[in-house]
Amino acid sequence: MGSFDRLKKYNGREKEKDKEKEKPPKTEAELEEERKRKEQEEKEEEELEKACEKWCGVVCKILIL
């Protein structure tokens, strides 16, 4: 094993690649579930942004008066 190989292992890159290789491929159901979860998170984030903008507007109006 050369010094470059030792350096790569020291950095942990080889271990990460090995872990990725060991993982079984995702099924269609898992991919669909992950996509739905991401969409739900994005929707919740958008709703939170809208609520924050609404309350910021209310607070600004109160402070101006």
PDB file of N, CA and C in Angstrom:
ATOM      1  N   MET A   1       0.860  -1.170   0.000  1.00  0.00           N
ATOM      2  CA  MET A   1       0.000   0.000   0.000  1.00  0.00           C
ATOM      3  C   MET A   1       0.906   1.232   0.000  1.00  0.00           C
ATOM      4  N   GLY A   2       0.670   2.106  -0.973  1.00  0.00           N
ATOM      5  CA  GLY A   2       1.477   3.303  -1.082  1.00  0.00           C
ATOM      6  C   GLY A   2       1.018   4.380  -0.121  1.00  0.00           C
ATOM      7  N   SER A   3       1.838   5.416  -0.032  1.00  0.00           N
ATOM      8  CA  SER A   3       1.520   6.500   0.900  1.00  0.00           C
ATOM      9  C   SER A   3       0.238   7.226   0.482  1.00  0.00           C
ATOM     10  N   PHE A   4      -0.014   7.301  -0.833  1.00  0.00           N
ATOM     11  CA  PHE A   4      -1.232   7.956  -1.302  1.00  0.00           C
ATOM     12  C   PHE A   4      -2.470   7.180  -0.857  1.00  0.00           C
ATOM     13  N   ASP A   5      -2.401   5.848  -0.942  1.00  0.00           N
ATOM     14  CA  ASP A   5      -3.528   5.021  -0.487  1.00  0.00           C
ATOM     15  C   ASP A   5      -3.770   5.204   1.003  1.00  0.00           C
ATOM     16  N   ARG A   6      -2.703   5.289   1.771  1.00  0.00           N
ATOM     17  CA  ARG A   6      -2.853   5.499   3.215  1.00  0.00           C
ATOM     18  C   ARG A   6      -3.478   6.857   3.496  1.00  0.00           C
ATOM     19  N   LEU A   7      -3.069   7.851   2.722  1.00  0.00           N
ATOM     20  CA  LEU A   7      -3.618   9.193   2.902  1.00  0.00           C
ATOM     21  C   LEU A   7      -5.122   9.199   2.615  1.00  0.00           C
ATOM     22  N   LYS A   8      -5.550   8.514   1.548  1.00  0.00           N
ATOM     23  CA  LYS A   8      -6.976   8.449   1.226  1.00  0.00           C
ATOM     24  C   LYS A   8      -7.749   7.766   2.344  1.00  0.00           C
ATOM     25  N   LYS A   9      -7.216   6.697   2.865  1.00  0.00           N
ATOM     26  CA  LYS A   9      -7.897   6.003   3.959  1.00  0.00           C
ATOM     27  C   LYS A   9      -7.925   6.873   5.204  1.00  0.00           C
ATOM     28  N   TYR A  10      -6.858   7.614   5.443  1.00  0.00           N
ATOM     29  CA  TYR A  10      -6.796   8.498   6.601  1.00  0.00           C
ATOM     30  C   TYR A  10      -7.901   9.546   6.524  1.00  0.00           C
ATOM     31  N   ASN A  11      -8.152  10.036   5.341  1.00  0.00           N
ATOM     32  CA  ASN A  11      -9.188  11.054   5.162  1.00  0.00           C
ATOM     33  C   ASN A  11     -10.592  10.479   5.250  1.00  0.00           C
ATOM     34  N   GLY A  12     -10.707   9.175   5.252  1.00  0.00           N
ATOM     35  CA  GLY A  12     -12.009   8.558   5.410  1.00  0.00           C
ATOM     36  C   GLY A  12     -12.799   8.400   4.133  1.00  0.00           C
ATOM     37  N   ARG A  13     -12.210   8.771   3.026  1.00  0.00           N
ATOM     38  CA  ARG A  13     -12.951   8.698   1.764  1.00  0.00           C
ATOM     39  C   ARG A  13     -13.217   7.258   1.358  1.00  0.00           C
ATOM     40  N   GLU A  14     -12.256   6.414   1.589  1.00  0.00           N
ATOM     41  CA  GLU A  14     -12.431   5.010   1.220  1.00  0.00           C
ATOM     42  C   GLU A  14     -13.546   4.373   2.038  1.00  0.00           C
ATOM     43  N   LYS A  15     -13.620   4.702   3.317  1.00  0.00           N
ATOM     44  CA  LYS A  15     -14.659   4.134   4.175  1.00  0.00           C
ATOM     45  C   LYS A  15     -16.038   4.564   3.704  1.00  0.00           C
ATOM     46  N   GLU A  16     -16.175   5.839   3.323  1.00  0.00           N
ATOM     47  CA  GLU A  16     -17.460   6.337   2.849  1.00  0.00           C
ATOM     48  C   GLU A  16     -17.874   5.625   1.573  1.00  0.00           C
ATOM     49  N   LYS A  17     -16.921   5.419   0.673  1.00  0.00           N
ATOM     50  CA  LYS A  17     -17.232   4.733  -0.578  1.00  0.00           C
ATOM     51  C   LYS A  17     -17.639   3.295  -0.313  1.00  0.00           C
ATOM     52  N   ASP A  18     -16.953   2.639   0.625  1.00  0.00           N
ATOM     53  CA  ASP A  18     -17.293   1.264   0.966  1.00  0.00           C
ATOM     54  C   ASP A  18     -18.702   1.181   1.536  1.00  0.00           C
ATOM     55  N   LYS A  19     -19.079   2.144   2.382  1.00  0.00           N
ATOM     56  CA  LYS A  19     -20.422   2.152   2.960  1.00  0.00           C
ATOM     57  C   LYS A  19     -21.473   2.316   1.874  1.00  0.00           C
ATOM     58  N   GLU A  20     -21.186   3.182   0.896  1.00  0.00           N
ATOM     59  CA  GLU A  20     -22.132   3.398  -0.194  1.00  0.00           C
ATOM     60  C   GLU A  20     -22.296   2.133  -1.026  1.00  0.00           C
ATOM     61  N   LYS A  21     -21.211   1.402  -1.221  1.00  0.00           N
ATOM     62  CA  LYS A  21     -21.270   0.170  -2.003  1.00  0.00           C
ATOM     63  C   LYS A  21     -22.074  -0.898  -1.280  1.00  0.00           C
ATOM     64  N   GLU A  22     -22.030  -0.906   0.044  1.00  0.00           N
ATOM     65  CA  GLU A  22     -22.723  -1.914   0.834  1.00  0.00           C
ATOM     66  C   GLU A  22     -24.231  -1.688   0.869  1.00  0.00           C
ATOM     67  N   LYS A  23     -24.674  -0.454   0.667  1.00  0.00           N
ATOM     68  CA  LYS A  23     -26.100  -0.147   0.727  1.00  0.00           C
ATOM     69  C   LYS A  23     -26.810  -0.783  -0.464  1.00  0.00           C
ATOM     70  N   PRO A  24     -27.934  -1.425  -0.211  1.00  0.00           N
ATOM     71  CA  PRO A  24     -28.700  -1.976  -1.335  1.00  0.00           C
ATOM     72  C   PRO A  24     -29.349  -0.834  -2.114  1.00  0.00           C
ATOM     73  N   PRO A  25     -29.580  -1.029  -3.393  1.00  0.00           N
ATOM     74  CA  PRO A  25     -30.227   0.033  -4.174  1.00  0.00           C
ATOM     75  C   PRO A  25     -31.641   0.292  -3.656  1.00  0.00           C
ATOM     76  N   LYS A  26     -32.056   1.536  -3.759  1.00  0.00           N
ATOM     77  CA  LYS A  26     -33.385   1.907  -3.263  1.00  0.00           C
ATOM     78  C   LYS A  26     -34.459   1.377  -4.206  1.00  0.00           C
ATOM     79  N   THR A  27     -35.545   0.945  -3.620  1.00  0.00           N
ATOM     80  CA  THR A  27     -36.668   0.451  -4.410  1.00  0.00           C
ATOM     81  C   THR A  27     -37.522   1.622  -4.874  1.00  0.00           C
ATOM     82  N   GLU A  28     -38.416   1.342  -5.793  1.00  0.00           N
ATOM     83  CA  GLU A  28     -39.322   2.382  -6.291  1.00  0.00           C
ATOM     84  C   GLU A  28     -40.154   2.975  -5.155  1.00  0.00           C
ATOM     85  N   ALA A  29     -40.608   2.121  -4.252  1.00  0.00           N
ATOM     86  CA  ALA A  29     -41.429   2.591  -3.132  1.00  0.00           C
ATOM     87  C   ALA A  29     -40.629   3.528  -2.236  1.00  0.00           C
ATOM     88  N   GLU A  30     -39.374   3.192  -1.978  1.00  0.00           N
ATOM     89  CA  GLU A  30     -38.531   4.049  -1.140  1.00  0.00           C
ATOM     90  C   GLU A  30     -38.267   5.379  -1.819  1.00  0.00           C
ATOM     91  N   LEU A  31     -38.016   5.349  -3.125  1.00  0.00           N
ATOM     92  CA  LEU A  31     -37.784   6.588  -3.863  1.00  0.00           C
ATOM     93  C   LEU A  31     -39.031   7.467  -3.861  1.00  0.00           C
ATOM     94  N   GLU A  32     -40.191   6.846  -4.038  1.00  0.00           N
ATOM     95  CA  GLU A  32     -41.457   7.587  -4.031  1.00  0.00           C
ATOM     96  C   GLU A  32     -41.718   8.195  -2.651  1.00  0.00           C
ATOM     97  N   GLU A  33     -41.456   7.420  -1.613  1.00  0.00           N
ATOM     98  CA  GLU A  33     -41.649   7.903  -0.245  1.00  0.00           C
ATOM     99  C   GLU A  33     -40.718   9.080   0.047  1.00  0.00           C
ATOM    100  N   GLU A  34     -39.483   8.981  -0.396  1.00  0.00           N
ATOM    101  CA  GLU A  34     -38.516  10.060  -0.184  1.00  0.00           C
ATOM    102  C   GLU A  34     -38.939  11.317  -0.938  1.00  0.00           C
ATOM    103  N   ARG A  35     -39.433  11.143  -2.166  1.00  0.00           N
ATOM    104  CA  ARG A  35     -39.885  12.283  -2.958  1.00  0.00           C
ATOM    105  C   ARG A  35     -41.076  12.970  -2.278  1.00  0.00           C
ATOM    106  N   LYS A  36     -42.029  12.181  -1.791  1.00  0.00           N
ATOM    107  CA  LYS A  36     -43.197  12.742  -1.104  1.00  0.00           C
ATOM    108  C   LYS A  36     -42.784  13.472   0.168  1.00  0.00           C
ATOM    109  N   ARG A  37     -41.829  12.903   0.900  1.00  0.00           N
ATOM    110  CA  ARG A  37     -41.353  13.528   2.133  1.00  0.00           C
ATOM    111  C   ARG A  37     -40.711  14.881   1.828  1.00  0.00           C
ATOM    112  N   LYS A  38     -39.897  14.929   0.761  1.00  0.00           N
ATOM    113  CA  LYS A  38     -39.250  16.184   0.381  1.00  0.00           C
ATOM    114  C   LYS A  38     -40.277  17.226  -0.041  1.00  0.00           C
ATOM    115  N   GLU A  39     -41.292  16.796  -0.804  1.00  0.00           N
ATOM    116  CA  GLU A  39     -42.346  17.720  -1.221  1.00  0.00           C
ATOM    117  C   GLU A  39     -43.096  18.269  -0.012  1.00  0.00           C
ATOM    118  N   GLN A  40     -43.380  17.406   0.961  1.00  0.00           N
ATOM    119  CA  GLN A  40     -44.082  17.830   2.174  1.00  0.00           C
ATOM    120  C   GLN A  40     -43.244  18.841   2.952  1.00  0.00           C
ATOM    121  N   GLU A  41     -41.930  18.577   3.052  1.00  0.00           N
ATOM    122  CA  GLU A  41     -41.048  19.504   3.764  1.00  0.00           C
ATOM    123  C   GLU A  41     -41.012  20.854   3.068  1.00  0.00           C
ATOM    124  N   GLU A  42     -40.947  20.851   1.727  1.00  0.00           N
ATOM    125  CA  GLU A  42     -40.932  22.105   0.979  1.00  0.00           C
ATOM    126  C   GLU A  42     -42.241  22.871   1.178  1.00  0.00           C
ATOM    127  N   LYS A  43     -43.353  22.143   1.177  1.00  0.00           N
ATOM    128  CA  LYS A  43     -44.662  22.774   1.371  1.00  0.00           C
ATOM    129  C   LYS A  43     -44.740  23.410   2.758  1.00  0.00           C
ATOM    130  N   GLU A  44     -44.291  22.687   3.781  1.00  0.00           N
ATOM    131  CA  GLU A  44     -44.305  23.220   5.145  1.00  0.00           C
ATOM    132  C   GLU A  44     -43.405  24.446   5.255  1.00  0.00           C
ATOM    133  N   GLU A  45     -42.263  24.408   4.577  1.00  0.00           N
ATOM    134  CA  GLU A  45     -41.342  25.539   4.615  1.00  0.00           C
ATOM    135  C   GLU A  45     -41.971  26.773   3.964  1.00  0.00           C
ATOM    136  N   GLU A  46     -42.658  26.576   2.836  1.00  0.00           N
ATOM    137  CA  GLU A  46     -43.332  27.686   2.167  1.00  0.00           C
ATOM    138  C   GLU A  46     -44.430  28.273   3.046  1.00  0.00           C
ATOM    139  N   GLU A  47     -45.202  27.410   3.706  1.00  0.00           N
ATOM    140  CA  GLU A  47     -46.263  27.881   4.602  1.00  0.00           C
ATOM    141  C   GLU A  47     -45.677  28.680   5.761  1.00  0.00           C
ATOM    142  N   LEU A  48     -44.568  28.218   6.295  1.00  0.00           N
ATOM    143  CA  LEU A  48     -43.910  28.918   7.391  1.00  0.00           C
ATOM    144  C   LEU A  48     -43.402  30.283   6.932  1.00  0.00           C
ATOM    145  N   GLU A  49     -42.831  30.335   5.724  1.00  0.00           N
ATOM    146  CA  GLU A  49     -42.361  31.611   5.184  1.00  0.00           C
ATOM    147  C   GLU A  49     -43.514  32.597   5.041  1.00  0.00           C
ATOM    148  N   LYS A  50     -44.650  32.124   4.515  1.00  0.00           N
ATOM    149  CA  LYS A  50     -45.815  32.997   4.346  1.00  0.00           C
ATOM    150  C   LYS A  50     -46.303  33.515   5.693  1.00  0.00           C
ATOM    151  N   ALA A  51     -46.354  32.625   6.686  1.00  0.00           N
ATOM    152  CA  ALA A  51     -46.798  33.033   8.020  1.00  0.00           C
ATOM    153  C   ALA A  51     -45.839  34.060   8.616  1.00  0.00           C
ATOM    154  N   CYS A  52     -44.550  33.853   8.424  1.00  0.00           N
ATOM    155  CA  CYS A  52     -43.558  34.802   8.948  1.00  0.00           C
ATOM    156  C   CYS A  52     -43.697  36.160   8.272  1.00  0.00           C
ATOM    157  N   GLU A  53     -43.885  36.149   6.947  1.00  0.00           N
ATOM    158  CA  GLU A  53     -44.051  37.408   6.230  1.00  0.00           C
ATOM    159  C   GLU A  53     -45.291  38.147   6.721  1.00  0.00           C
ATOM    160  N   LYS A  54     -46.355  37.404   6.961  1.00  0.00           N
ATOM    161  CA  LYS A  54     -47.597  38.012   7.449  1.00  0.00           C
ATOM    162  C   LYS A  54     -47.367  38.660   8.810  1.00  0.00           C
ATOM    163  N   TRP A  55     -46.748  37.927   9.732  1.00  0.00           N
ATOM    164  CA  TRP A  55     -46.515  38.462  11.070  1.00  0.00           C
ATOM    165  C   TRP A  55     -45.504  39.600  11.055  1.00  0.00           C
ATOM    166  N   CYS A  56     -44.513  39.523  10.189  1.00  0.00           N
ATOM    167  CA  CYS A  56     -43.550  40.626  10.093  1.00  0.00           C
ATOM    168  C   CYS A  56     -44.254  41.895   9.636  1.00  0.00           C
ATOM    169  N   GLY A  57     -45.189  41.744   8.693  1.00  0.00           N
ATOM    170  CA  GLY A  57     -45.959  42.893   8.230  1.00  0.00           C
ATOM    171  C   GLY A  57     -46.796  43.485   9.345  1.00  0.00           C
ATOM    172  N   VAL A  58     -47.422  42.642  10.153  1.00  0.00           N
ATOM    173  CA  VAL A  58     -48.245  43.104  11.274  1.00  0.00           C
ATOM    174  C   VAL A  58     -47.378  43.830  12.293  1.00  0.00           C
ATOM    175  N   VAL A  59     -46.251  43.253  12.634  1.00  0.00           N
ATOM    176  CA  VAL A  59     -45.355  43.858  13.623  1.00  0.00           C
ATOM    177  C   VAL A  59     -44.825  45.191  13.111  1.00  0.00           C
ATOM    178  N   CYS A  60     -44.461  45.254  11.830  1.00  0.00           N
ATOM    179  CA  CYS A  60     -43.958  46.509  11.267  1.00  0.00           C
ATOM    180  C   CYS A  60     -45.027  47.599  11.321  1.00  0.00           C
ATOM    181  N   LYS A  61     -46.274  47.238  11.013  1.00  0.00           N
ATOM    182  CA  LYS A  61     -47.360  48.219  11.054  1.00  0.00           C
ATOM    183  C   LYS A  61     -47.567  48.731  12.474  1.00  0.00           C
ATOM    184  N   ILE A  62     -47.492  47.847  13.443  1.00  0.00           N
ATOM    185  CA  ILE A  62     -47.663  48.244  14.843  1.00  0.00           C
ATOM    186  C   ILE A  62     -46.539  49.182  15.263  1.00  0.00           C
ATOM    187  N   LEU A  63     -45.318  48.866  14.868  1.00  0.00           N
ATOM    188  CA  LEU A  63     -44.175  49.700  15.248  1.00  0.00           C
ATOM    189  C   LEU A  63     -44.227  51.064  14.581  1.00  0.00           C
ATOM    190  N   ILE A  64     -44.748  51.122  13.371  1.00  0.00           N
ATOM    191  CA  ILE A  64     -44.841  52.398  12.664  1.00  0.00           C
ATOM    192  C   ILE A  64     -45.885  53.293  13.318  1.00  0.00           C
ATOM    193  N   LEU A  65     -46.991  52.709  13.762  1.00  0.00           N
ATOM    194  CA  LEU A  65     -48.055  53.501  14.395  1.00  0.00           C
ATOM    195  C   LEU A  65     -47.571  53.936  15.735  1.00  0.00           C
TER     196      LEU A  65
END
